[in-house]
């Protein structure tokens, strides 16, 4: 059986709320998304998850584990995936994206373990 692909996602803004950015890491390669408008850290995290799903779908991957450091977003996404109910516009966009096939897993990890967060920090020079 093929191993599940891990796709790391992270979003942020400076200040909060402020200008948003996001990163997704797939197979060790970071992709950055800038100029996402103004919003909160939670908005940026949701956008990062949505970009991660789109990238996995473009790669034709079906057995995917999405890994992020926003406990709020991972909980909301797991709730939406399991119930089909969206509690926000972001969750509705998420449900629309996963209509064809559901993610293998959406998991929370600590910030220091999130490759996408590490990539964002490195890009900023932190």
PDB file of N, CA and C in Angstrom:
ATOM      1  N   UNK A   1       0.839  -1.180   0.000  1.00  0.00           N
ATOM      2  CA  UNK A   1       0.000   0.000   0.000  1.00  0.00           C
ATOM      3  C   UNK A   1       0.887   1.248   0.000  1.00  0.00           C
ATOM      4  N   UNK A   2       0.540   2.179  -0.821  1.00  0.00           N
ATOM      5  CA  UNK A   2       1.294   3.419  -0.945  1.00  0.00           C
ATOM      6  C   UNK A   2       1.142   4.259   0.323  1.00  0.00           C
ATOM      7  N   UNK A   3       2.268   4.836   0.766  1.00  0.00           N
ATOM      8  CA  UNK A   3       2.236   5.686   1.960  1.00  0.00           C
ATOM      9  C   UNK A   3       1.458   6.966   1.693  1.00  0.00           C
ATOM     10  N   UNK A   4       0.842   7.438   2.734  1.00  0.00           N
ATOM     11  CA  UNK A   4       0.077   8.682   2.650  1.00  0.00           C
ATOM     12  C   UNK A   4       1.046   9.860   2.486  1.00  0.00           C
ATOM     13  N   UNK A   5       0.752  10.726   1.534  1.00  0.00           N
ATOM     14  CA  UNK A   5       1.567  11.912   1.292  1.00  0.00           C
ATOM     15  C   UNK A   5       1.257  12.966   2.349  1.00  0.00           C
ATOM     16  N   UNK A   6       2.302  13.494   2.992  1.00  0.00           N
ATOM     17  CA  UNK A   6       2.117  14.581   3.958  1.00  0.00           C
ATOM     18  C   UNK A   6       2.262  15.909   3.232  1.00  0.00           C
ATOM     19  N   UNK A   7       1.274  16.761   3.409  1.00  0.00           N
ATOM     20  CA  UNK A   7       1.290  18.105   2.840  1.00  0.00           C
ATOM     21  C   UNK A   7       1.151  19.083   4.007  1.00  0.00           C
ATOM     22  N   UNK A   8       2.203  19.871   4.222  1.00  0.00           N
ATOM     23  CA  UNK A   8       2.239  20.832   5.317  1.00  0.00           C
ATOM     24  C   UNK A   8       1.699  22.172   4.832  1.00  0.00           C
ATOM     25  N   UNK A   9       0.938  22.841   5.680  1.00  0.00           N
ATOM     26  CA  UNK A   9       0.393  24.153   5.316  1.00  0.00           C
ATOM     27  C   UNK A   9       0.527  25.118   6.488  1.00  0.00           C
ATOM     28  N   UNK A  10       0.709  26.394   6.163  1.00  0.00           N
ATOM     29  CA  UNK A  10       0.770  27.421   7.192  1.00  0.00           C
ATOM     30  C   UNK A  10       0.410  28.765   6.588  1.00  0.00           C
ATOM     31  N   UNK A  11      -0.292  29.553   7.347  1.00  0.00           N
ATOM     32  CA  UNK A  11      -0.633  30.909   6.934  1.00  0.00           C
ATOM     33  C   UNK A  11      -0.372  31.868   8.073  1.00  0.00           C
ATOM     34  N   UNK A  12      -0.196  33.116   7.726  1.00  0.00           N
ATOM     35  CA  UNK A  12       0.034  34.111   8.757  1.00  0.00           C
ATOM     36  C   UNK A  12      -0.195  35.505   8.220  1.00  0.00           C
ATOM     37  N   UNK A  13      -0.159  36.443   9.123  1.00  0.00           N
ATOM     38  CA  UNK A  13      -0.284  37.843   8.732  1.00  0.00           C
ATOM     39  C   UNK A  13       0.464  38.698   9.740  1.00  0.00           C
ATOM     40  N   UNK A  14       0.901  39.822   9.275  1.00  0.00           N
ATOM     41  CA  UNK A  14       1.594  40.794  10.123  1.00  0.00           C
ATOM     42  C   UNK A  14       1.042  42.158   9.800  1.00  0.00           C
ATOM     43  N   UNK A  15       0.536  42.909  10.769  1.00  0.00           N
ATOM     44  CA  UNK A  15       0.104  42.488  12.106  1.00  0.00           C
ATOM     45  C   UNK A  15      -1.150  41.619  11.992  1.00  0.00           C
ATOM     46  N   UNK A  16      -1.740  41.294  13.113  1.00  0.00           N
ATOM     47  CA  UNK A  16      -2.955  40.481  13.109  1.00  0.00           C
ATOM     48  C   UNK A  16      -4.122  41.343  13.598  1.00  0.00           C
ATOM     49  N   UNK A  17      -5.100  41.675  12.771  1.00  0.00           N
ATOM     50  CA  UNK A  17      -5.190  41.357  11.340  1.00  0.00           C
ATOM     51  C   UNK A  17      -4.217  42.209  10.527  1.00  0.00           C
ATOM     52  N   UNK A  18      -3.924  41.700   9.341  1.00  0.00           N
ATOM     53  CA  UNK A  18      -2.987  42.389   8.464  1.00  0.00           C
ATOM     54  C   UNK A  18      -2.894  41.697   7.128  1.00  0.00           C
ATOM     55  N   UNK A  19      -1.802  41.968   6.423  1.00  0.00           N
ATOM     56  CA  UNK A  19      -1.598  41.375   5.100  1.00  0.00           C
ATOM     57  C   UNK A  19      -1.264  39.897   5.254  1.00  0.00           C
ATOM     58  N   UNK A  20      -1.988  39.064   4.517  1.00  0.00           N
ATOM     59  CA  UNK A  20      -1.858  37.619   4.677  1.00  0.00           C
ATOM     60  C   UNK A  20      -0.901  37.018   3.658  1.00  0.00           C
ATOM     61  N   UNK A  21      -0.271  35.906   4.092  1.00  0.00           N
ATOM     62  CA  UNK A  21       0.571  35.092   3.227  1.00  0.00           C
ATOM     63  C   UNK A  21       0.391  33.640   3.657  1.00  0.00           C
ATOM     64  N   UNK A  22       0.811  32.726   2.784  1.00  0.00           N
ATOM     65  CA  UNK A  22       0.682  31.308   3.098  1.00  0.00           C
ATOM     66  C   UNK A  22       1.813  30.538   2.444  1.00  0.00           C
ATOM     67  N   UNK A  23       2.060  29.348   2.983  1.00  0.00           N
ATOM     68  CA  UNK A  23       3.040  28.437   2.393  1.00  0.00           C
ATOM     69  C   UNK A  23       2.495  27.020   2.471  1.00  0.00           C
ATOM     70  N   UNK A  24       2.891  26.220   1.484  1.00  0.00           N
ATOM     71  CA  UNK A  24       2.555  24.800   1.441  1.00  0.00           C
ATOM     72  C   UNK A  24       3.840  24.059   1.090  1.00  0.00           C
ATOM     73  N   UNK A  25       4.120  22.972   1.804  1.00  0.00           N
ATOM     74  CA  UNK A  25       5.294  22.154   1.507  1.00  0.00           C
ATOM     75  C   UNK A  25       4.819  20.765   1.117  1.00  0.00           C
ATOM     76  N   UNK A  26       5.208  20.359  -0.097  1.00  0.00           N
ATOM     77  CA  UNK A  26       4.890  19.033  -0.624  1.00  0.00           C
ATOM     78  C   UNK A  26       6.196  18.406  -1.096  1.00  0.00           C
ATOM     79  N   UNK A  27       6.496  17.208  -0.586  1.00  0.00           N
ATOM     80  CA  UNK A  27       7.720  16.489  -0.975  1.00  0.00           C
ATOM     81  C   UNK A  27       8.973  17.359  -0.826  1.00  0.00           C
ATOM     82  N   UNK A  28       9.009  18.146   0.240  1.00  0.00           N
ATOM     83  CA  UNK A  28      10.171  18.964   0.535  1.00  0.00           C
ATOM     84  C   UNK A  28      10.271  20.265  -0.231  1.00  0.00           C
ATOM     85  N   UNK A  29       9.325  20.534  -1.098  1.00  0.00           N
ATOM     86  CA  UNK A  29       9.334  21.756  -1.899  1.00  0.00           C
ATOM     87  C   UNK A  29       8.298  22.738  -1.360  1.00  0.00           C
ATOM     88  N   UNK A  30       8.775  23.948  -1.043  1.00  0.00           N
ATOM     89  CA  UNK A  30       7.881  24.985  -0.514  1.00  0.00           C
ATOM     90  C   UNK A  30       7.314  25.828  -1.642  1.00  0.00           C
ATOM     91  N   UNK A  31       6.038  26.101  -1.543  1.00  0.00           N
ATOM     92  CA  UNK A  31       5.377  27.034  -2.454  1.00  0.00           C
ATOM     93  C   UNK A  31       4.770  28.136  -1.596  1.00  0.00           C
ATOM     94  N   UNK A  32       4.986  29.375  -2.030  1.00  0.00           N
ATOM     95  CA  UNK A  32       4.529  30.529  -1.269  1.00  0.00           C
ATOM     96  C   UNK A  32       3.400  31.236  -2.005  1.00  0.00           C
ATOM     97  N   UNK A  33       2.489  31.781  -1.225  1.00  0.00           N
ATOM     98  CA  UNK A  33       1.340  32.509  -1.756  1.00  0.00           C
ATOM     99  C   UNK A  33       1.298  33.862  -1.046  1.00  0.00           C
ATOM    100  N   UNK A  34       1.490  34.917  -1.819  1.00  0.00           N
ATOM    101  CA  UNK A  34       1.560  36.269  -1.268  1.00  0.00           C
ATOM    102  C   UNK A  34       0.353  37.083  -1.700  1.00  0.00           C
ATOM    103  N   UNK A  35       0.267  38.272  -1.129  1.00  0.00           N
ATOM    104  CA  UNK A  35      -0.767  39.231  -1.523  1.00  0.00           C
ATOM    105  C   UNK A  35      -2.166  38.623  -1.469  1.00  0.00           C
ATOM    106  N   UNK A  36      -2.465  37.984  -0.349  1.00  0.00           N
ATOM    107  CA  UNK A  36      -3.761  37.321  -0.177  1.00  0.00           C
ATOM    108  C   UNK A  36      -4.811  38.242   0.427  1.00  0.00           C
ATOM    109  N   UNK A  37      -4.501  39.516   0.481  1.00  0.00           N
ATOM    110  CA  UNK A  37      -5.441  40.471   1.050  1.00  0.00           C
ATOM    111  C   UNK A  37      -5.199  40.654   2.535  1.00  0.00           C
ATOM    112  N   UNK A  38      -6.159  41.271   3.177  1.00  0.00           N
ATOM    113  CA  UNK A  38      -6.061  41.546   4.608  1.00  0.00           C
ATOM    114  C   UNK A  38      -7.014  40.626   5.352  1.00  0.00           C
ATOM    115  N   UNK A  39      -6.542  40.095   6.455  1.00  0.00           N
ATOM    116  CA  UNK A  39      -7.372  39.213   7.263  1.00  0.00           C
ATOM    117  C   UNK A  39      -6.656  38.842   8.543  1.00  0.00           C
ATOM    118  N   UNK A  40      -7.202  37.867   9.227  1.00  0.00           N
ATOM    119  CA  UNK A  40      -6.637  37.405  10.499  1.00  0.00           C
ATOM    120  C   UNK A  40      -5.713  36.209  10.257  1.00  0.00           C
ATOM    121  N   UNK A  41      -5.009  35.811  11.316  1.00  0.00           N
ATOM    122  CA  UNK A  41      -4.189  34.602  11.220  1.00  0.00           C
ATOM    123  C   UNK A  41      -5.046  33.392  10.861  1.00  0.00           C
ATOM    124  N   UNK A  42      -6.237  33.316  11.425  1.00  0.00           N
ATOM    125  CA  UNK A  42      -7.126  32.191  11.118  1.00  0.00           C
ATOM    126  C   UNK A  42      -7.528  32.202   9.652  1.00  0.00           C
ATOM    127  N   UNK A  43      -7.827  33.368   9.106  1.00  0.00           N
ATOM    128  CA  UNK A  43      -8.130  33.460   7.671  1.00  0.00           C
ATOM    129  C   UNK A  43      -6.955  32.943   6.847  1.00  0.00           C
ATOM    130  N   UNK A  44      -5.744  33.366   7.208  1.00  0.00           N
ATOM    131  CA  UNK A  44      -4.546  32.952   6.468  1.00  0.00           C
ATOM    132  C   UNK A  44      -4.320  31.448   6.577  1.00  0.00           C
ATOM    133  N   UNK A  45      -4.578  30.872   7.746  1.00  0.00           N
ATOM    134  CA  UNK A  45      -4.424  29.416   7.920  1.00  0.00           C
ATOM    135  C   UNK A  45      -5.427  28.662   7.045  1.00  0.00           C
ATOM    136  N   UNK A  46      -6.665  29.142   7.001  1.00  0.00           N
ATOM    137  CA  UNK A  46      -7.668  28.512   6.136  1.00  0.00           C
ATOM    138  C   UNK A  46      -7.232  28.578   4.674  1.00  0.00           C
ATOM    139  N   UNK A  47      -6.763  29.748   4.242  1.00  0.00           N
ATOM    140  CA  UNK A  47      -6.319  29.885   2.849  1.00  0.00           C
ATOM    141  C   UNK A  47      -5.169  28.933   2.557  1.00  0.00           C
ATOM    142  N   UNK A  48      -4.259  28.774   3.514  1.00  0.00           N
ATOM    143  CA  UNK A  48      -3.145  27.845   3.332  1.00  0.00           C
ATOM    144  C   UNK A  48      -3.655  26.415   3.153  1.00  0.00           C
ATOM    145  N   UNK A  49      -4.635  26.003   3.958  1.00  0.00           N
ATOM    146  CA  UNK A  49      -5.211  24.661   3.811  1.00  0.00           C
ATOM    147  C   UNK A  49      -5.873  24.501   2.446  1.00  0.00           C
ATOM    148  N   UNK A  50      -6.596  25.512   2.005  1.00  0.00           N
ATOM    149  CA  UNK A  50      -7.254  25.436   0.695  1.00  0.00           C
ATOM    150  C   UNK A  50      -6.227  25.329  -0.429  1.00  0.00           C
ATOM    151  N   UNK A  51      -5.128  26.095  -0.339  1.00  0.00           N
ATOM    152  CA  UNK A  51      -4.058  25.979  -1.338  1.00  0.00           C
ATOM    153  C   UNK A  51      -3.432  24.586  -1.293  1.00  0.00           C
ATOM    154  N   UNK A  52      -3.253  24.042  -0.095  1.00  0.00           N
ATOM    155  CA  UNK A  52      -2.668  22.706   0.055  1.00  0.00           C
ATOM    156  C   UNK A  52      -3.540  21.651  -0.628  1.00  0.00           C
ATOM    157  N   UNK A  53      -4.840  21.750  -0.441  1.00  0.00           N
ATOM    158  CA  UNK A  53      -5.765  20.798  -1.070  1.00  0.00           C
ATOM    159  C   UNK A  53      -5.697  20.920  -2.585  1.00  0.00           C
ATOM    160  N   UNK A  54      -5.700  22.145  -3.087  1.00  0.00           N
ATOM    161  CA  UNK A  54      -5.625  22.352  -4.541  1.00  0.00           C
ATOM    162  C   UNK A  54      -4.337  21.780  -5.117  1.00  0.00           C
ATOM    163  N   UNK A  55      -3.221  21.988  -4.427  1.00  0.00           N
ATOM    164  CA  UNK A  55      -1.946  21.452  -4.916  1.00  0.00           C
ATOM    165  C   UNK A  55      -1.960  19.929  -4.942  1.00  0.00           C
ATOM    166  N   UNK A  56      -2.469  19.317  -3.891  1.00  0.00           N
ATOM    167  CA  UNK A  56      -2.542  17.853  -3.847  1.00  0.00           C
ATOM    168  C   UNK A  56      -3.424  17.329  -4.976  1.00  0.00           C
ATOM    169  N   UNK A  57      -4.525  18.009  -5.223  1.00  0.00           N
ATOM    170  CA  UNK A  57      -5.415  17.591  -6.308  1.00  0.00           C
ATOM    171  C   UNK A  57      -4.741  17.753  -7.663  1.00  0.00           C
ATOM    172  N   UNK A  58      -3.994  18.853  -7.858  1.00  0.00           N
ATOM    173  CA  UNK A  58      -3.280  19.060  -9.119  1.00  0.00           C
ATOM    174  C   UNK A  58      -2.239  17.973  -9.356  1.00  0.00           C
ATOM    175  N   UNK A  59      -1.656  17.455  -8.264  1.00  0.00           N
ATOM    176  CA  UNK A  59      -0.672  16.377  -8.365  1.00  0.00           C
ATOM    177  C   UNK A  59      -1.338  15.015  -8.559  1.00  0.00           C
ATOM    178  N   UNK A  60      -2.657  14.976  -8.467  1.00  0.00           N
ATOM    179  CA  UNK A  60      -3.380  13.717  -8.617  1.00  0.00           C
ATOM    180  C   UNK A  60      -3.302  12.827  -7.388  1.00  0.00           C
ATOM    181  N   UNK A  61      -2.943  13.410  -6.261  1.00  0.00           N
ATOM    182  CA  UNK A  61      -2.809  12.631  -5.023  1.00  0.00           C
ATOM    183  C   UNK A  61      -4.167  12.480  -4.346  1.00  0.00           C
ATOM    184  N   UNK A  62      -4.443  11.262  -3.922  1.00  0.00           N
ATOM    185  CA  UNK A  62      -5.716  10.995  -3.259  1.00  0.00           C
ATOM    186  C   UNK A  62      -5.528  10.587  -1.795  1.00  0.00           C
ATOM    187  N   UNK A  63      -4.393  10.005  -1.486  1.00  0.00           N
ATOM    188  CA  UNK A  63      -4.122   9.554  -0.125  1.00  0.00           C
ATOM    189  C   UNK A  63      -3.209  10.580   0.545  1.00  0.00           C
ATOM    190  N   UNK A  64      -3.825  11.619   1.112  1.00  0.00           N
ATOM    191  CA  UNK A  64      -3.077  12.777   1.601  1.00  0.00           C
ATOM    192  C   UNK A  64      -3.397  13.059   3.064  1.00  0.00           C
ATOM    193  N   UNK A  65      -2.350  13.410   3.800  1.00  0.00           N
ATOM    194  CA  UNK A  65      -2.485  13.888   5.173  1.00  0.00           C
ATOM    195  C   UNK A  65      -2.085  15.358   5.172  1.00  0.00           C
ATOM    196  N   UNK A  66      -3.019  16.232   5.500  1.00  0.00           N
ATOM    197  CA  UNK A  66      -2.744  17.664   5.570  1.00  0.00           C
ATOM    198  C   UNK A  66      -2.345  17.993   7.004  1.00  0.00           C
ATOM    199  N   UNK A  67      -1.202  18.664   7.143  1.00  0.00           N
ATOM    200  CA  UNK A  67      -0.611  18.891   8.451  1.00  0.00           C
ATOM    201  C   UNK A  67      -0.420  20.390   8.671  1.00  0.00           C
ATOM    202  N   UNK A  68      -1.035  20.919   9.728  1.00  0.00           N
ATOM    203  CA  UNK A  68      -0.926  22.343  10.022  1.00  0.00           C
ATOM    204  C   UNK A  68      -0.845  22.609  11.511  1.00  0.00           C
ATOM    205  N   UNK A  69      -0.463  23.832  11.868  1.00  0.00           N
ATOM    206  CA  UNK A  69      -0.277  24.169  13.282  1.00  0.00           C
ATOM    207  C   UNK A  69      -1.390  25.039  13.866  1.00  0.00           C
ATOM    208  N   UNK A  70      -2.479  25.201  13.146  1.00  0.00           N
ATOM    209  CA  UNK A  70      -3.624  25.934  13.685  1.00  0.00           C
ATOM    210  C   UNK A  70      -4.643  24.929  14.214  1.00  0.00           C
ATOM    211  N   UNK A  71      -4.710  24.827  15.528  1.00  0.00           N
ATOM    212  CA  UNK A  71      -5.648  23.886  16.137  1.00  0.00           C
ATOM    213  C   UNK A  71      -7.081  24.228  15.757  1.00  0.00           C
ATOM    214  N   UNK A  72      -7.398  25.515  15.723  1.00  0.00           N
ATOM    215  CA  UNK A  72      -8.744  25.958  15.365  1.00  0.00           C
ATOM    216  C   UNK A  72      -9.122  25.500  13.954  1.00  0.00           C
ATOM    217  N   UNK A  73      -8.243  25.711  12.999  1.00  0.00           N
ATOM    218  CA  UNK A  73      -8.543  25.350  11.607  1.00  0.00           C
ATOM    219  C   UNK A  73      -8.598  23.836  11.438  1.00  0.00           C
ATOM    220  N   UNK A  74      -7.679  23.096  12.048  1.00  0.00           N
ATOM    221  CA  UNK A  74      -7.727  21.637  11.895  1.00  0.00           C
ATOM    222  C   UNK A  74      -8.999  21.072  12.523  1.00  0.00           C
ATOM    223  N   UNK A  75      -9.403  21.618  13.651  1.00  0.00           N
ATOM    224  CA  UNK A  75     -10.654  21.148  14.273  1.00  0.00           C
ATOM    225  C   UNK A  75     -11.868  21.465  13.403  1.00  0.00           C
ATOM    226  N   UNK A  76     -11.938  22.708  12.901  1.00  0.00           N
ATOM    227  CA  UNK A  76     -13.074  23.096  12.066  1.00  0.00           C
ATOM    228  C   UNK A  76     -13.118  22.281  10.773  1.00  0.00           C
ATOM    229  N   UNK A  77     -11.962  22.052  10.166  1.00  0.00           N
ATOM    230  CA  UNK A  77     -11.914  21.281   8.921  1.00  0.00           C
ATOM    231  C   UNK A  77     -12.332  19.834   9.169  1.00  0.00           C
ATOM    232  N   UNK A  78     -11.864  19.240  10.257  1.00  0.00           N
ATOM    233  CA  UNK A  78     -12.262  17.866  10.580  1.00  0.00           C
ATOM    234  C   UNK A  78     -13.755  17.781  10.874  1.00  0.00           C
ATOM    235  N   UNK A  79     -14.297  18.781  11.553  1.00  0.00           N
ATOM    236  CA  UNK A  79     -15.736  18.816  11.813  1.00  0.00           C
ATOM    237  C   UNK A  79     -16.501  18.883  10.492  1.00  0.00           C
ATOM    238  N   UNK A  80     -16.088  19.792   9.612  1.00  0.00           N
ATOM    239  CA  UNK A  80     -16.772  19.943   8.321  1.00  0.00           C
ATOM    240  C   UNK A  80     -16.681  18.659   7.505  1.00  0.00           C
ATOM    241  N   UNK A  81     -15.502  18.043   7.480  1.00  0.00           N
ATOM    242  CA  UNK A  81     -15.323  16.815   6.695  1.00  0.00           C
ATOM    243  C   UNK A  81     -16.184  15.677   7.233  1.00  0.00           C
ATOM    244  N   UNK A  82     -16.314  15.590   8.557  1.00  0.00           N
ATOM    245  CA  UNK A  82     -17.066  14.470   9.128  1.00  0.00           C
ATOM    246  C   UNK A  82     -18.576  14.680   9.113  1.00  0.00           C
ATOM    247  N   UNK A  83     -19.021  15.937   9.144  1.00  0.00           N
ATOM    248  CA  UNK A  83     -20.461  16.206   9.220  1.00  0.00           C
ATOM    249  C   UNK A  83     -21.052  16.765   7.933  1.00  0.00           C
ATOM    250  N   UNK A  84     -20.194  17.322   7.076  1.00  0.00           N
ATOM    251  CA  UNK A  84     -20.688  17.993   5.877  1.00  0.00           C
ATOM    252  C   UNK A  84     -21.257  19.369   6.163  1.00  0.00           C
ATOM    253  N   UNK A  85     -21.061  19.860   7.387  1.00  0.00           N
ATOM    254  CA  UNK A  85     -21.589  21.164   7.796  1.00  0.00           C
ATOM    255  C   UNK A  85     -20.465  22.193   7.847  1.00  0.00           C
ATOM    256  N   UNK A  86     -20.717  23.345   7.248  1.00  0.00           N
ATOM    257  CA  UNK A  86     -19.738  24.431   7.255  1.00  0.00           C
ATOM    258  C   UNK A  86     -20.154  25.489   8.261  1.00  0.00           C
ATOM    259  N   UNK A  87     -19.235  25.824   9.152  1.00  0.00           N
ATOM    260  CA  UNK A  87     -19.514  26.856  10.153  1.00  0.00           C
ATOM    261  C   UNK A  87     -18.959  28.217   9.742  1.00  0.00           C
ATOM    262  N   UNK A  88     -18.349  28.280   8.565  1.00  0.00           N
ATOM    263  CA  UNK A  88     -17.783  29.542   8.075  1.00  0.00           C
ATOM    264  C   UNK A  88     -17.690  29.472   6.554  1.00  0.00           C
ATOM    265  N   UNK A  89     -17.437  30.613   5.941  1.00  0.00           N
ATOM    266  CA  UNK A  89     -17.239  30.635   4.487  1.00  0.00           C
ATOM    267  C   UNK A  89     -16.022  29.810   4.094  1.00  0.00           C
ATOM    268  N   UNK A  90     -14.970  29.861   4.916  1.00  0.00           N
ATOM    269  CA  UNK A  90     -13.775  29.061   4.627  1.00  0.00           C
ATOM    270  C   UNK A  90     -14.109  27.571   4.656  1.00  0.00           C
ATOM    271  N   UNK A  91     -14.891  27.160   5.641  1.00  0.00           N
ATOM    272  CA  UNK A  91     -15.275  25.750   5.740  1.00  0.00           C
ATOM    273  C   UNK A  91     -16.140  25.342   4.552  1.00  0.00           C
ATOM    274  N   UNK A  92     -16.979  26.235   4.071  1.00  0.00           N
ATOM    275  CA  UNK A  92     -17.796  25.946   2.882  1.00  0.00           C
ATOM    276  C   UNK A  92     -16.906  25.763   1.658  1.00  0.00           C
ATOM    277  N   UNK A  93     -15.892  26.616   1.507  1.00  0.00           N
ATOM    278  CA  UNK A  93     -14.948  26.474   0.393  1.00  0.00           C
ATOM    279  C   UNK A  93     -14.190  25.156   0.513  1.00  0.00           C
ATOM    280  N   UNK A  94     -13.832  24.784   1.728  1.00  0.00           N
ATOM    281  CA  UNK A  94     -13.163  23.511   1.998  1.00  0.00           C
ATOM    282  C   UNK A  94     -14.043  22.337   1.560  1.00  0.00           C
ATOM    283  N   UNK A  95     -15.310  22.354   1.966  1.00  0.00           N
ATOM    284  CA  UNK A  95     -16.223  21.269   1.590  1.00  0.00           C
ATOM    285  C   UNK A  95     -16.382  21.170   0.079  1.00  0.00           C
ATOM    286  N   UNK A  96     -16.420  22.295  -0.585  1.00  0.00           N
ATOM    287  CA  UNK A  96     -16.530  22.304  -2.042  1.00  0.00           C
ATOM    288  C   UNK A  96     -15.304  21.651  -2.684  1.00  0.00           C
ATOM    289  N   UNK A  97     -14.126  21.934  -2.143  1.00  0.00           N
ATOM    290  CA  UNK A  97     -12.893  21.368  -2.698  1.00  0.00           C
ATOM    291  C   UNK A  97     -12.790  19.862  -2.493  1.00  0.00           C
ATOM    292  N   UNK A  98     -13.309  19.363  -1.376  1.00  0.00           N
ATOM    293  CA  UNK A  98     -13.145  17.935  -1.089  1.00  0.00           C
ATOM    294  C   UNK A  98     -14.336  17.092  -1.536  1.00  0.00           C
ATOM    295  N   UNK A  99     -15.214  17.671  -2.341  1.00  0.00           N
ATOM    296  CA  UNK A  99     -16.389  16.933  -2.816  1.00  0.00           C
ATOM    297  C   UNK A  99     -16.018  15.640  -3.537  1.00  0.00           C
ATOM    298  N   UNK A 100     -15.003  15.689  -4.384  1.00  0.00           N
ATOM    299  CA  UNK A 100     -14.622  14.528  -5.191  1.00  0.00           C
ATOM    300  C   UNK A 100     -14.020  13.412  -4.339  1.00  0.00           C
ATOM    301  N   UNK A 101     -13.149  13.783  -3.415  1.00  0.00           N
ATOM    302  CA  UNK A 101     -12.585  12.796  -2.494  1.00  0.00           C
ATOM    303  C   UNK A 101     -12.115  13.496  -1.225  1.00  0.00           C
ATOM    304  N   UNK A 102     -12.298  12.810  -0.128  1.00  0.00           N
ATOM    305  CA  UNK A 102     -11.974  13.367   1.176  1.00  0.00           C
ATOM    306  C   UNK A 102     -10.486  13.185   1.477  1.00  0.00           C
ATOM    307  N   UNK A 103      -9.917  14.124   2.244  1.00  0.00           N
ATOM    308  CA  UNK A 103      -8.522  13.966   2.654  1.00  0.00           C
ATOM    309  C   UNK A 103      -8.369  12.727   3.525  1.00  0.00           C
ATOM    310  N   UNK A 104      -7.209  12.086   3.443  1.00  0.00           N
ATOM    311  CA  UNK A 104      -6.955  10.945   4.305  1.00  0.00           C
ATOM    312  C   UNK A 104      -6.977  11.348   5.771  1.00  0.00           C
ATOM    313  N   UNK A 105      -6.441  12.544   6.030  1.00  0.00           N
ATOM    314  CA  UNK A 105      -6.372  13.016   7.413  1.00  0.00           C
ATOM    315  C   UNK A 105      -6.020  14.500   7.417  1.00  0.00           C
ATOM    316  N   UNK A 106      -6.503  15.214   8.421  1.00  0.00           N
ATOM    317  CA  UNK A 106      -6.103  16.602   8.662  1.00  0.00           C
ATOM    318  C   UNK A 106      -5.641  16.630  10.109  1.00  0.00           C
ATOM    319  N   UNK A 107      -4.375  16.967  10.299  1.00  0.00           N
ATOM    320  CA  UNK A 107      -3.774  16.789  11.620  1.00  0.00           C
ATOM    321  C   UNK A 107      -3.075  18.056  12.095  1.00  0.00           C
ATOM    322  N   UNK A 108      -3.178  18.300  13.398  1.00  0.00           N
ATOM    323  CA  UNK A 108      -2.488  19.410  14.040  1.00  0.00           C
ATOM    324  C   UNK A 108      -1.123  18.947  14.518  1.00  0.00           C
ATOM    325  N   UNK A 109      -0.129  19.825  14.352  1.00  0.00           N
ATOM    326  CA  UNK A 109       1.197  19.594  14.922  1.00  0.00           C
ATOM    327  C   UNK A 109       1.678  20.895  15.553  1.00  0.00           C
ATOM    328  N   UNK A 110       2.743  20.799  16.335  1.00  0.00           N
ATOM    329  CA  UNK A 110       3.331  21.993  16.940  1.00  0.00           C
ATOM    330  C   UNK A 110       3.963  22.859  15.861  1.00  0.00           C
ATOM    331  N   UNK A 111       4.001  24.142  16.116  1.00  0.00           N
ATOM    332  CA  UNK A 111       4.546  25.113  15.154  1.00  0.00           C
ATOM    333  C   UNK A 111       5.963  24.735  14.721  1.00  0.00           C
ATOM    334  N   UNK A 112       6.803  24.353  15.667  1.00  0.00           N
ATOM    335  CA  UNK A 112       8.200  24.060  15.338  1.00  0.00           C
ATOM    336  C   UNK A 112       8.375  22.793  14.499  1.00  0.00           C
ATOM    337  N   UNK A 113       7.318  22.017  14.323  1.00  0.00           N
ATOM    338  CA  UNK A 113       7.365  20.819  13.481  1.00  0.00           C
ATOM    339  C   UNK A 113       6.767  21.051  12.097  1.00  0.00           C
ATOM    340  N   UNK A 114       6.166  22.213  11.894  1.00  0.00           N
ATOM    341  CA  UNK A 114       5.457  22.491  10.646  1.00  0.00           C
ATOM    342  C   UNK A 114       6.434  23.000   9.585  1.00  0.00           C
ATOM    343  N   UNK A 115       6.708  22.168   8.591  1.00  0.00           N
ATOM    344  CA  UNK A 115       7.667  22.540   7.551  1.00  0.00           C
ATOM    345  C   UNK A 115       7.242  23.790   6.792  1.00  0.00           C
ATOM    346  N   UNK A 116       5.947  23.996   6.621  1.00  0.00           N
ATOM    347  CA  UNK A 116       5.471  25.199   5.924  1.00  0.00           C
ATOM    348  C   UNK A 116       5.716  26.445   6.777  1.00  0.00           C
ATOM    349  N   UNK A 117       5.510  26.338   8.074  1.00  0.00           N
ATOM    350  CA  UNK A 117       5.790  27.454   8.971  1.00  0.00           C
ATOM    351  C   UNK A 117       7.277  27.763   9.025  1.00  0.00           C
ATOM    352  N   UNK A 118       8.095  26.720   9.031  1.00  0.00           N
ATOM    353  CA  UNK A 118       9.545  26.898   9.014  1.00  0.00           C
ATOM    354  C   UNK A 118       9.964  27.598   7.727  1.00  0.00           C
ATOM    355  N   UNK A 119       9.362  27.207   6.612  1.00  0.00           N
ATOM    356  CA  UNK A 119       9.680  27.840   5.319  1.00  0.00           C
ATOM    357  C   UNK A 119       9.285  29.316   5.319  1.00  0.00           C
ATOM    358  N   UNK A 120       8.113  29.633   5.869  1.00  0.00           N
ATOM    359  CA  UNK A 120       7.695  31.042   5.953  1.00  0.00           C
ATOM    360  C   UNK A 120       8.666  31.849   6.809  1.00  0.00           C
ATOM    361  N   UNK A 121       9.049  31.294   7.960  1.00  0.00           N
ATOM    362  CA  UNK A 121       9.980  31.996   8.845  1.00  0.00           C
ATOM    363  C   UNK A 121      11.336  32.200   8.172  1.00  0.00           C
ATOM    364  N   UNK A 122      11.832  31.178   7.487  1.00  0.00           N
ATOM    365  CA  UNK A 122      13.127  31.281   6.804  1.00  0.00           C
ATOM    366  C   UNK A 122      13.075  32.338   5.711  1.00  0.00           C
ATOM    367  N   UNK A 123      11.969  32.400   5.040  1.00  0.00           N
ATOM    368  CA  UNK A 123      11.801  33.382   3.966  1.00  0.00           C
ATOM    369  C   UNK A 123      11.830  34.805   4.519  1.00  0.00           C
ATOM    370  N   UNK A 124      11.281  34.973   5.710  1.00  0.00           N
ATOM    371  CA  UNK A 124      11.268  36.290   6.352  1.00  0.00           C
ATOM    372  C   UNK A 124      12.617  36.619   6.999  1.00  0.00           C
ATOM    373  N   UNK A 125      13.489  35.614   7.100  1.00  0.00           N
ATOM    374  CA  UNK A 125      14.780  35.821   7.745  1.00  0.00           C
ATOM    375  C   UNK A 125      14.737  35.698   9.257  1.00  0.00           C
ATOM    376  N   UNK A 126      13.752  34.950   9.792  1.00  0.00           N
ATOM    377  CA  UNK A 126      13.628  34.776  11.249  1.00  0.00           C
ATOM    378  C   UNK A 126      14.313  33.518  11.692  1.00  0.00           C
TER     379      UNK A 126
END
